[in-house]
Amino acid sequence: MRYQDLQRYRYFSGLPHSALEELAWISSVRPFKAGERLLEEGARASHLLIVKSGEVEIVYRLGDGRDVTAESAIAGELLVWSAMLEPYTLTASLVGKKEGELIAIEGAKLRELCEADTWLGYQLMTEIARALRDRLTGLRVQLAAVL
């Protein structure tokens, strides 16, 4: 992957060229198809993901065993931040809704980069926190509509 491809995403837009190059080295693009189960809740979160194109459903398993689609992620949205947070376990499943591509950044190597460069780590964790905030806000709106 090229660093210029990462630079267009808000999560990385303020990073220096050298940091973007390091991120590009540990990143790859993964295609997916509509209906494809990409990841399973409870599995190890090995990569931080960004939707490059297409659409991905975020699916939660309820206590009674039912799967519920909570929302969809579209191009530019961050997924699988669990790759950055212990215990590195997926909290939801991902299913392709519309064919597309994901940017996959190796979680272990990304954590190493963040530990070596605390400024980079702070910037990325701030962006992850913003993505979490936005996702929780969206879920609250959905719950309010149902109740």
C-alpha atoms as a PDB file:
ATOM      1  CA  MET A   1       0.000   0.000   0.000  1.00  0.00           C
ATOM      2  CA  ARG A   2       1.153   3.555  -0.651  1.00  0.00           C
ATOM      3  CA  TYR A   3       1.328   6.187   2.076  1.00  0.00           C
ATOM      4  CA  GLN A   4      -0.662   8.588  -0.140  1.00  0.00           C
ATOM      5  CA  ASP A   5      -3.619   6.188   0.073  1.00  0.00           C
ATOM      6  CA  LEU A   6      -3.620   6.388   3.871  1.00  0.00           C
ATOM      7  CA  GLN A   7      -3.181  10.150   3.949  1.00  0.00           C
ATOM      8  CA  ARG A   8      -6.698  10.750   2.620  1.00  0.00           C
ATOM      9  CA  TYR A   9      -8.342   9.242   5.725  1.00  0.00           C
ATOM     10  CA  ARG A  10      -9.020  11.556   8.661  1.00  0.00           C
ATOM     11  CA  TYR A  11      -7.345   9.124  11.056  1.00  0.00           C
ATOM     12  CA  PHE A  12      -4.006   9.727   9.368  1.00  0.00           C
ATOM     13  CA  SER A  13      -4.352  13.123   7.681  1.00  0.00           C
ATOM     14  CA  GLY A  14      -2.278  15.013  10.256  1.00  0.00           C
ATOM     15  CA  LEU A  15       0.562  12.499  10.453  1.00  0.00           C
ATOM     16  CA  PRO A  16       4.023  13.281   9.130  1.00  0.00           C
ATOM     17  CA  HIS A  17       5.262  11.645   5.939  1.00  0.00           C
ATOM     18  CA  SER A  18       7.609   9.300   7.856  1.00  0.00           C
ATOM     19  CA  ALA A  19       4.780   7.932  10.021  1.00  0.00           C
ATOM     20  CA  LEU A  20       2.548   7.432   6.980  1.00  0.00           C
ATOM     21  CA  GLU A  21       5.314   5.482   5.250  1.00  0.00           C
ATOM     22  CA  GLU A  22       5.699   3.208   8.284  1.00  0.00           C
ATOM     23  CA  LEU A  23       1.934   2.623   8.377  1.00  0.00           C
ATOM     24  CA  ALA A  24       1.874   1.852   4.659  1.00  0.00           C
ATOM     25  CA  TRP A  25       4.468  -0.914   5.164  1.00  0.00           C
ATOM     26  CA  ILE A  26       2.183  -2.736   7.602  1.00  0.00           C
ATOM     27  CA  SER A  27      -1.015  -2.169   5.608  1.00  0.00           C
ATOM     28  CA  SER A  28      -2.698  -4.131   2.859  1.00  0.00           C
ATOM     29  CA  VAL A  29      -5.944  -4.016   0.898  1.00  0.00           C
ATOM     30  CA  ARG A  30      -8.387  -6.896   1.202  1.00  0.00           C
ATOM     31  CA  PRO A  31     -11.352  -7.327  -1.133  1.00  0.00           C
ATOM     32  CA  PHE A  32     -14.672  -8.677   0.129  1.00  0.00           C
ATOM     33  CA  LYS A  33     -17.981  -9.728  -1.408  1.00  0.00           C
ATOM     34  CA  ALA A  34     -21.551  -8.934  -0.443  1.00  0.00           C
ATOM     35  CA  GLY A  35     -22.778 -11.561   2.025  1.00  0.00           C
ATOM     36  CA  GLU A  36     -19.257 -12.654   2.983  1.00  0.00           C
ATOM     37  CA  ARG A  37     -18.645 -13.151   6.723  1.00  0.00           C
ATOM     38  CA  LEU A  38     -15.435 -11.238   7.236  1.00  0.00           C
ATOM     39  CA  LEU A  39     -14.845 -11.675  10.969  1.00  0.00           C
ATOM     40  CA  GLU A  40     -16.558 -13.433  13.861  1.00  0.00           C
ATOM     41  CA  GLU A  41     -17.356 -11.949  17.261  1.00  0.00           C
ATOM     42  CA  GLY A  42     -15.069 -13.420  19.922  1.00  0.00           C
ATOM     43  CA  ALA A  43     -12.178 -14.105  17.520  1.00  0.00           C
ATOM     44  CA  ARG A  44      -8.753 -12.495  17.883  1.00  0.00           C
ATOM     45  CA  ALA A  45      -8.595  -8.951  16.497  1.00  0.00           C
ATOM     46  CA  SER A  46      -5.380  -9.005  14.482  1.00  0.00           C
ATOM     47  CA  HIS A  47      -5.868  -5.959  12.211  1.00  0.00           C
ATOM     48  CA  LEU A  48      -7.260  -2.464  12.474  1.00  0.00           C
ATOM     49  CA  LEU A  49      -9.603  -2.055   9.494  1.00  0.00           C
ATOM     50  CA  ILE A  50     -10.852   0.864   7.453  1.00  0.00           C
ATOM     51  CA  VAL A  51     -13.590   0.492   4.859  1.00  0.00           C
ATOM     52  CA  LYS A  52     -11.988   1.607   1.593  1.00  0.00           C
ATOM     53  CA  SER A  53     -15.064   0.942  -0.549  1.00  0.00           C
ATOM     54  CA  GLY A  54     -18.345  -0.922  -0.287  1.00  0.00           C
ATOM     55  CA  GLU A  55     -20.336  -1.409   2.897  1.00  0.00           C
ATOM     56  CA  VAL A  56     -19.928  -3.668   5.935  1.00  0.00           C
ATOM     57  CA  GLU A  57     -22.600  -4.672   8.456  1.00  0.00           C
ATOM     58  CA  ILE A  58     -21.671  -4.717  12.139  1.00  0.00           C
ATOM     59  CA  VAL A  59     -23.449  -7.687  13.736  1.00  0.00           C
ATOM     60  CA  TYR A  60     -23.796  -8.417  17.456  1.00  0.00           C
ATOM     61  CA  ARG A  61     -24.760 -11.771  18.946  1.00  0.00           C
ATOM     62  CA  LEU A  62     -27.436 -11.443  21.620  1.00  0.00           C
ATOM     63  CA  GLY A  63     -27.568 -13.554  24.793  1.00  0.00           C
ATOM     64  CA  ASP A  64     -30.279 -15.738  23.249  1.00  0.00           C
ATOM     65  CA  GLY A  65     -28.037 -16.587  20.278  1.00  0.00           C
ATOM     66  CA  ARG A  66     -29.692 -14.276  17.744  1.00  0.00           C
ATOM     67  CA  ASP A  67     -27.549 -12.081  15.509  1.00  0.00           C
ATOM     68  CA  VAL A  68     -28.611  -8.438  15.180  1.00  0.00           C
ATOM     69  CA  THR A  69     -27.217  -5.971  12.670  1.00  0.00           C
ATOM     70  CA  ALA A  70     -26.515  -2.838  14.674  1.00  0.00           C
ATOM     71  CA  GLU A  71     -25.397  -0.626  11.807  1.00  0.00           C
ATOM     72  CA  SER A  72     -23.392  -0.462   8.619  1.00  0.00           C
ATOM     73  CA  ALA A  73     -19.973   1.035   7.991  1.00  0.00           C
ATOM     74  CA  ILE A  74     -19.241   2.775   4.701  1.00  0.00           C
ATOM     75  CA  ALA A  75     -16.103   4.012   2.947  1.00  0.00           C
ATOM     76  CA  GLY A  76     -13.755   5.840   5.302  1.00  0.00           C
ATOM     77  CA  GLU A  77     -15.076   4.317   8.513  1.00  0.00           C
ATOM     78  CA  LEU A  78     -12.848   2.613  11.061  1.00  0.00           C
ATOM     79  CA  LEU A  79     -13.511  -0.958  12.190  1.00  0.00           C
ATOM     80  CA  VAL A  80     -11.877  -3.433  14.573  1.00  0.00           C
ATOM     81  CA  TRP A  81     -10.263  -1.019  17.007  1.00  0.00           C
ATOM     82  CA  SER A  82     -10.089  -4.073  19.282  1.00  0.00           C
ATOM     83  CA  ALA A  83      -6.777  -4.754  17.524  1.00  0.00           C
ATOM     84  CA  MET A  84      -5.421  -1.825  19.558  1.00  0.00           C
ATOM     85  CA  LEU A  85      -7.095  -2.607  22.899  1.00  0.00           C
ATOM     86  CA  GLU A  86      -6.494  -5.589  25.156  1.00  0.00           C
ATOM     87  CA  PRO A  87      -7.627  -8.351  25.183  1.00  0.00           C
ATOM     88  CA  TYR A  88      -7.589  -7.938  21.356  1.00  0.00           C
ATOM     89  CA  THR A  89     -10.898  -9.766  20.951  1.00  0.00           C
ATOM     90  CA  LEU A  90     -13.610  -8.864  18.435  1.00  0.00           C
ATOM     91  CA  THR A  91     -16.759  -7.488  20.049  1.00  0.00           C
ATOM     92  CA  ALA A  92     -18.874  -7.877  16.885  1.00  0.00           C
ATOM     93  CA  SER A  93     -18.971  -9.825  13.639  1.00  0.00           C
ATOM     94  CA  LEU A  94     -18.534  -8.174  10.257  1.00  0.00           C
ATOM     95  CA  VAL A  95     -20.466  -9.111   7.119  1.00  0.00           C
ATOM     96  CA  GLY A  96     -20.048  -7.578   3.669  1.00  0.00           C
ATOM     97  CA  LYS A  97     -23.216  -5.744   2.681  1.00  0.00           C
ATOM     98  CA  LYS A  98     -21.970  -4.298  -0.620  1.00  0.00           C
ATOM     99  CA  GLU A  99     -18.840  -5.611  -2.333  1.00  0.00           C
ATOM    100  CA  GLY A 100     -15.749  -3.565  -1.625  1.00  0.00           C
ATOM    101  CA  GLU A 101     -12.306  -3.398  -0.070  1.00  0.00           C
ATOM    102  CA  LEU A 102     -10.857  -3.007   3.402  1.00  0.00           C
ATOM    103  CA  ILE A 103      -7.557  -1.475   4.420  1.00  0.00           C
ATOM    104  CA  ALA A 104      -6.024  -3.849   6.965  1.00  0.00           C
ATOM    105  CA  ILE A 105      -3.269  -2.576   9.272  1.00  0.00           C
ATOM    106  CA  GLU A 106      -1.380  -5.217  11.260  1.00  0.00           C
ATOM    107  CA  GLY A 107      -2.395  -4.683  14.890  1.00  0.00           C
ATOM    108  CA  ALA A 108       0.736  -5.986  16.648  1.00  0.00           C
ATOM    109  CA  LYS A 109       3.056  -3.942  14.441  1.00  0.00           C
ATOM    110  CA  LEU A 110       0.835  -0.878  14.780  1.00  0.00           C
ATOM    111  CA  ARG A 111       0.975  -1.179  18.580  1.00  0.00           C
ATOM    112  CA  GLU A 112       4.778  -1.419  18.371  1.00  0.00           C
ATOM    113  CA  LEU A 113       4.901   1.759  16.267  1.00  0.00           C
ATOM    114  CA  CYS A 114       2.655   3.545  18.764  1.00  0.00           C
ATOM    115  CA  GLU A 115       4.806   2.475  21.710  1.00  0.00           C
ATOM    116  CA  ALA A 116       7.977   3.627  19.944  1.00  0.00           C
ATOM    117  CA  ASP A 117       6.427   6.955  18.889  1.00  0.00           C
ATOM    118  CA  THR A 118       4.101   8.140  21.649  1.00  0.00           C
ATOM    119  CA  TRP A 119       2.963  11.166  19.628  1.00  0.00           C
ATOM    120  CA  LEU A 120       1.789   8.820  16.867  1.00  0.00           C
ATOM    121  CA  GLY A 121       0.149   6.571  19.455  1.00  0.00           C
ATOM    122  CA  TYR A 122      -1.696   9.506  21.014  1.00  0.00           C
ATOM    123  CA  GLN A 123      -2.921  10.748  17.633  1.00  0.00           C
ATOM    124  CA  LEU A 124      -4.194   7.311  16.585  1.00  0.00           C
ATOM    125  CA  MET A 125      -5.834   6.549  19.934  1.00  0.00           C
ATOM    126  CA  THR A 126      -7.566   9.943  19.818  1.00  0.00           C
ATOM    127  CA  GLU A 127      -8.990   9.059  16.407  1.00  0.00           C
ATOM    128  CA  ILE A 128     -10.042   5.618  17.653  1.00  0.00           C
ATOM    129  CA  ALA A 129     -11.794   7.253  20.625  1.00  0.00           C
ATOM    130  CA  ARG A 130     -13.639   9.584  18.226  1.00  0.00           C
ATOM    131  CA  ALA A 131     -14.723   6.615  16.107  1.00  0.00           C
ATOM    132  CA  LEU A 132     -15.969   4.826  19.249  1.00  0.00           C
ATOM    133  CA  ARG A 133     -17.861   7.942  20.333  1.00  0.00           C
ATOM    134  CA  ASP A 134     -19.523   8.232  16.926  1.00  0.00           C
ATOM    135  CA  ARG A 135     -20.455   4.539  16.898  1.00  0.00           C
ATOM    136  CA  LEU A 136     -21.978   4.763  20.409  1.00  0.00           C
ATOM    137  CA  THR A 137     -23.922   7.876  19.444  1.00  0.00           C
ATOM    138  CA  GLY A 138     -25.339   6.043  16.434  1.00  0.00           C
ATOM    139  CA  LEU A 139     -26.356   3.080  18.594  1.00  0.00           C
ATOM    140  CA  ARG A 140     -28.071   5.390  21.090  1.00  0.00           C
ATOM    141  CA  VAL A 141     -30.111   6.957  18.288  1.00  0.00           C
ATOM    142  CA  GLN A 142     -31.107   3.481  17.036  1.00  0.00           C
ATOM    143  CA  LEU A 143     -32.123   2.367  20.539  1.00  0.00           C
ATOM    144  CA  ALA A 144     -34.165   5.516  21.087  1.00  0.00           C
ATOM    145  CA  ALA A 145     -36.050   4.862  17.838  1.00  0.00           C
ATOM    146  CA  VAL A 146     -36.885   1.301  18.926  1.00  0.00           C
ATOM    147  CA  LEU A 147     -37.973   2.113  22.479  1.00  0.00           C
END
